[in-house]
C-alpha atoms as a PDB file:
ATOM      1  CA  MET A   1     126.527 117.936  86.818  1.00  0.00           C
ATOM      2  CA  ARG A   2     123.761 119.582  85.644  1.00  0.00           C
ATOM      3  CA  PRO A   3     120.367 118.974  87.811  1.00  0.00           C
ATOM      4  CA  PHE A   4     117.406 117.491  86.499  1.00  0.00           C
ATOM      5  CA  ASP A   5     113.925 118.957  87.038  1.00  0.00           C
ATOM      6  CA  LEU A   6     110.927 116.159  87.152  1.00  0.00           C
ATOM      7  CA  SER A   7     108.309 118.384  88.366  1.00  0.00           C
ATOM      8  CA  PRO A   8     107.078 118.143  84.451  1.00  0.00           C
ATOM      9  CA  LEU A   9     107.160 114.614  84.340  1.00  0.00           C
ATOM     10  CA  LEU A  10     105.534 113.899  88.125  1.00  0.00           C
ATOM     11  CA  ARG A  11     102.563 116.430  87.236  1.00  0.00           C
ATOM     12  CA  SER A  12     101.010 113.738  85.032  1.00  0.00           C
ATOM     13  CA  THR A  13     102.427 110.738  86.554  1.00  0.00           C
ATOM     14  CA  VAL A  14     100.736 108.972  89.607  1.00  0.00           C
ATOM     15  CA  GLY A  15     103.275 106.562  91.960  1.00  0.00           C
ATOM     16  CA  PHE A  16     106.421 107.269  90.313  1.00  0.00           C
ATOM     17  CA  ASP A  17     107.550 109.527  92.869  1.00  0.00           C
ATOM     18  CA  HIS A  18     109.957 106.699  94.289  1.00  0.00           C
ATOM     19  CA  LEU A  19     112.093 107.466  90.934  1.00  0.00           C
ATOM     20  CA  SER A  20     112.938 110.752  91.763  1.00  0.00           C
ATOM     21  CA  ARG A  21     113.761 109.902  95.155  1.00  0.00           C
ATOM     22  CA  MET A  22     116.474 107.007  93.295  1.00  0.00           C
ATOM     23  CA  LEU A  23     117.756 109.738  90.540  1.00  0.00           C
ATOM     24  CA  ASP A  24     118.259 112.344  93.643  1.00  0.00           C
ATOM     25  CA  ALA A  25     120.023 109.790  95.874  1.00  0.00           C
ATOM     26  CA  ALA A  26     122.280 108.761  92.601  1.00  0.00           C
ATOM     27  CA  GLN A  27     123.216 112.489  92.466  1.00  0.00           C
ATOM     28  CA  ARG A  28     124.512 112.443  95.842  1.00  0.00           C
ATOM     29  CA  VAL A  29     126.251 109.006  96.119  1.00  0.00           C
ATOM     30  CA  ASP A  30     129.927 109.199  96.336  1.00  0.00           C
ATOM     31  CA  ASP A  31     131.783 107.230  93.964  1.00  0.00           C
ATOM     32  CA  SER A  32     134.579 105.996  96.485  1.00  0.00           C
ATOM     33  CA  ALA A  33     131.028 103.909  98.214  1.00  0.00           C
ATOM     34  CA  PHE A  34     131.205 101.498  95.296  1.00  0.00           C
ATOM     35  CA  SER A  35     134.822 100.409  95.334  1.00  0.00           C
ATOM     36  CA  TYR A  36     133.990  98.658  99.011  1.00  0.00           C
ATOM     37  CA  PRO A  37     133.268  95.728  99.548  1.00  0.00           C
ATOM     38  CA  PRO A  38     133.175  94.776  95.717  1.00  0.00           C
ATOM     39  CA  TYR A  39     130.087  92.449  94.635  1.00  0.00           C
ATOM     40  CA  ASN A  40     128.181  91.108  91.282  1.00  0.00           C
ATOM     41  CA  ILE A  41     124.840  91.014  90.517  1.00  0.00           C
ATOM     42  CA  GLU A  42     123.575  88.047  88.539  1.00  0.00           C
ATOM     43  CA  LYS A  43     120.690  87.010  86.878  1.00  0.00           C
ATOM     44  CA  LEU A  44     120.220  83.216  87.081  1.00  0.00           C
ATOM     45  CA  SER A  45     116.724  82.748  85.339  1.00  0.00           C
ATOM     46  CA  GLU A  46     113.927  85.250  84.006  1.00  0.00           C
ATOM     47  CA  ASP A  47     113.025  86.330  87.289  1.00  0.00           C
ATOM     48  CA  ASP A  48     115.682  85.191  89.918  1.00  0.00           C
ATOM     49  CA  TYR A  49     118.720  86.705  90.741  1.00  0.00           C
ATOM     50  CA  ARG A  50     121.576  86.776  93.149  1.00  0.00           C
ATOM     51  CA  ILE A  51     124.053  89.477  94.765  1.00  0.00           C
ATOM     52  CA  THR A  52     127.723  88.266  94.878  1.00  0.00           C
ATOM     53  CA  MET A  53     129.453  90.289  97.315  1.00  0.00           C
ATOM     54  CA  ALA A  54     133.019  89.876  98.781  1.00  0.00           C
ATOM     55  CA  VAL A  55     133.263  89.971 102.723  1.00  0.00           C
ATOM     56  CA  ALA A  56     136.491  88.409 103.554  1.00  0.00           C
ATOM     57  CA  GLY A  57     137.093  88.305 107.126  1.00  0.00           C
ATOM     58  CA  PHE A  58     133.612  89.020 108.180  1.00  0.00           C
ATOM     59  CA  ALA A  59     131.558  86.400 110.310  1.00  0.00           C
ATOM     60  CA  GLU A  60     127.974  85.665 109.881  1.00  0.00           C
ATOM     61  CA  SER A  61     127.463  87.820 112.854  1.00  0.00           C
ATOM     62  CA  ASP A  62     129.472  90.652 111.393  1.00  0.00           C
ATOM     63  CA  LEU A  63     126.778  91.347 108.812  1.00  0.00           C
ATOM     64  CA  GLU A  64     123.320  92.180 108.815  1.00  0.00           C
ATOM     65  CA  ILE A  65     121.253  91.909 105.556  1.00  0.00           C
ATOM     66  CA  THR A  66     118.029  93.888 106.180  1.00  0.00           C
ATOM     67  CA  VAL A  67     114.986  95.182 103.348  1.00  0.00           C
ATOM     68  CA  HIS A  68     113.551  98.850 104.274  1.00  0.00           C
ATOM     69  CA  ASP A  69     110.950 100.376 101.666  1.00  0.00           C
ATOM     70  CA  ARG A  70     112.221  98.382  98.587  1.00  0.00           C
ATOM     71  CA  THR A  71     115.759  99.323  99.356  1.00  0.00           C
ATOM     72  CA  LEU A  72     117.863  95.940 100.353  1.00  0.00           C
ATOM     73  CA  ILE A  73     120.791  97.420 102.879  1.00  0.00           C
ATOM     74  CA  ILE A  74     123.775  94.977 103.620  1.00  0.00           C
ATOM     75  CA  THR A  75     125.815  96.192 106.602  1.00  0.00           C
ATOM     76  CA  GLY A  76     129.202  94.991 107.668  1.00  0.00           C
ATOM     77  CA  LYS A  77     130.213  95.962 111.178  1.00  0.00           C
ATOM     78  CA  ALA A  78     134.431  95.423 111.744  1.00  0.00           C
ATOM     79  CA  LYS A  79     136.317  94.146 114.872  1.00  0.00           C
ATOM     80  CA  ARG A  80     138.968  95.990 115.935  1.00  0.00           C
ATOM     81  CA  GLU A  81     141.320  93.469 116.371  1.00  0.00           C
ATOM     82  CA  GLU A  82     144.066  94.019 118.877  1.00  0.00           C
ATOM     83  CA  GLU A  83     147.669  95.066 116.922  1.00  0.00           C
ATOM     84  CA  THR A  84     149.560  92.164 117.027  1.00  0.00           C
ATOM     85  CA  ALA A  85     150.974  91.518 114.343  1.00  0.00           C
ATOM     86  CA  GLN A  86     153.595  93.709 112.431  1.00  0.00           C
ATOM     87  CA  TYR A  87     152.025  94.064 108.824  1.00  0.00           C
ATOM     88  CA  LEU A  88     154.756  94.893 106.255  1.00  0.00           C
ATOM     89  CA  HIS A  89     151.663  94.968 103.980  1.00  0.00           C
ATOM     90  CA  ARG A  90     147.760  95.259 104.891  1.00  0.00           C
ATOM     91  CA  GLY A  91     145.773  94.705 101.859  1.00  0.00           C
ATOM     92  CA  ILE A  92     142.862  93.316 103.214  1.00  0.00           C
ATOM     93  CA  ALA A  93     139.867  95.812 103.838  1.00  0.00           C
ATOM     94  CA  GLY A  94     138.431  95.055 107.333  1.00  0.00           C
ATOM     95  CA  ARG A  95     136.400  98.020 107.686  1.00  0.00           C
ATOM     96  CA  SER A  96     132.883  98.700 108.383  1.00  0.00           C
ATOM     97  CA  PHE A  97     130.311  98.586 105.240  1.00  0.00           C
ATOM     98  CA  GLU A  98     127.022  99.517 103.987  1.00  0.00           C
ATOM     99  CA  ARG A  99     125.829  98.631 100.529  1.00  0.00           C
ATOM    100  CA  ARG A 100     122.726  99.832  99.433  1.00  0.00           C
ATOM    101  CA  PHE A 101     120.211  98.218  96.421  1.00  0.00           C
ATOM    102  CA  GLU A 102     117.661  99.647  95.258  1.00  0.00           C
ATOM    103  CA  LEU A 103     114.697  97.044  94.484  1.00  0.00           C
ATOM    104  CA  ALA A 104     112.101  96.892  91.880  1.00  0.00           C
ATOM    105  CA  ASP A 105     108.813  96.287  92.031  1.00  0.00           C
ATOM    106  CA  HIS A 106     107.544  92.636  93.153  1.00  0.00           C
ATOM    107  CA  ILE A 107     111.151  91.338  93.937  1.00  0.00           C
ATOM    108  CA  ARG A 108     111.697  89.640  97.743  1.00  0.00           C
ATOM    109  CA  VAL A 109     114.801  88.591  99.134  1.00  0.00           C
ATOM    110  CA  GLU A 110     114.874  84.640  99.439  1.00  0.00           C
ATOM    111  CA  GLY A 111     117.672  84.510 101.718  1.00  0.00           C
ATOM    112  CA  ALA A 112     121.073  84.136 102.133  1.00  0.00           C
ATOM    113  CA  ASP A 113     124.284  82.436 102.752  1.00  0.00           C
ATOM    114  CA  LEU A 114     127.965  83.041 103.237  1.00  0.00           C
ATOM    115  CA  ALA A 115     130.580  80.820 102.208  1.00  0.00           C
ATOM    116  CA  ASN A 116     134.333  80.902 101.222  1.00  0.00           C
ATOM    117  CA  GLY A 117     134.563  85.085 102.173  1.00  0.00           C
ATOM    118  CA  LEU A 118     131.489  85.403  99.532  1.00  0.00           C
ATOM    119  CA  LEU A 119     127.934  86.361 100.841  1.00  0.00           C
ATOM    120  CA  HIS A 120     125.128  85.349  98.064  1.00  0.00           C
ATOM    121  CA  VAL A 121     121.929  86.734  98.742  1.00  0.00           C
ATOM    122  CA  THR A 122     118.952  85.548  96.468  1.00  0.00           C
ATOM    123  CA  LEU A 123     116.372  87.521  94.860  1.00  0.00           C
ATOM    124  CA  LYS A 124     112.699  86.242  93.165  1.00  0.00           C
ATOM    125  CA  ARG A 125     110.387  88.350  90.692  1.00  0.00           C
ATOM    126  CA  GLU A 126     107.184  87.889  91.982  1.00  0.00           C
ATOM    127  CA  VAL A 127     104.199  88.892  89.996  1.00  0.00           C
ATOM    128  CA  PRO A 128     101.012  88.785  91.560  1.00  0.00           C
ATOM    129  CA  GLU A 129      98.457  87.063  89.088  1.00  0.00           C
ATOM    130  CA  GLN A 130      96.318  89.989  88.864  1.00  0.00           C
ATOM    131  CA  MET A 131      99.290  91.551  87.117  1.00  0.00           C
ATOM    132  CA  LYS A 132     100.552  89.212  84.672  1.00  0.00           C
ATOM    133  CA  PRO A 133      99.401  89.405  81.258  1.00  0.00           C
ATOM    134  CA  ARG A 134      96.315  87.244  80.106  1.00  0.00           C
ATOM    135  CA  THR A 135      94.173  86.508  77.300  1.00  0.00           C
ATOM    136  CA  ILE A 136      90.881  87.748  76.834  1.00  0.00           C
ATOM    137  CA  ARG A 137      88.477  85.664  74.810  1.00  0.00           C
ATOM    138  CA  ILE A 138      86.151  87.283  72.080  1.00  0.00           C
ATOM    139  CA  GLU A 139      82.885  85.792  71.884  1.00  0.00           C
ATOM    140  CA  ALA A 140      80.899  86.170  68.552  1.00  0.00           C
ATOM    141  CA  ALA A 141      77.838  87.603  69.224  1.00  0.00           C
ATOM    142  CA  PRO A 142      74.662  86.118  67.723  1.00  0.00           C
ATOM    143  CA  PRO A 143      73.735  87.716  64.871  1.00  0.00           C
ATOM    144  CA  ALA A 144      70.840  90.034  64.650  1.00  0.00           C
ATOM    145  CA  PRO A 145      67.703  89.609  63.457  1.00  0.00           C
ATOM    146  CA  PRO A 146      67.109  90.928  60.219  1.00  0.00           C
ATOM    147  CA  LYS A 147      65.031  94.074  60.305  1.00  0.00           C
ATOM    148  CA  VAL A 148      61.768  94.655  58.568  1.00  0.00           C
ATOM    149  CA  ILE A 149      61.598  98.718  57.697  1.00  0.00           C
ATOM    150  CA  ALA A 150      57.561  99.518  56.614  1.00  0.00           C
ATOM    151  CA  GLY A 151      57.107 100.785  53.494  1.00  0.00           C
ATOM    152  CA  SER A 152      60.424  99.257  51.672  1.00  0.00           C
ATOM    153  CA  SER A 153      60.048  97.837  48.051  1.00  0.00           C
ATOM    154  CA  ALA A 154      59.564  94.153  49.721  1.00  0.00           C
ATOM    155  CA  ASP A 155      55.897  95.272  51.508  1.00  0.00           C
ATOM    156  CA  LYS A 156      54.720  97.202  47.878  1.00  0.00           C
ATOM    157  CA  ALA A 157      55.446  94.102  45.833  1.00  0.00           C
ATOM    158  CA  ALA A 158      53.085  92.019  47.939  1.00  0.00           C
END
């Protein structure tokens, strides 16, 4: 893959350094990291989102959700079971994981719940009032009084 040089772009922008970090991180990620555990990202409404992650075999105490510097981190710590059973096929993954999601500006985590092996994390976009679009009323300026220019044709006729 060809590396990107963002230095010309970053010379003329302010506050977009996180974009550069995000692109660098995307180039360093191993594709196998995206396969476990599987997840969905849903848009529920204009400002509401939900991440649903399949975490079969994990209890609430095995999962940790943190937000740090606009990054949502979901970690699952697998408990070691005693190997008392003899498996003919073991297809349920029980390994530890860490999944990271980069959050956009003004997205906050509202909560999470675990039901039937699915972890649901609800997110909400909350744009501050000063950043919301607003309409500016245009006021009509009072008409300017007519100007009389000395020595004009009206003065000569009088």
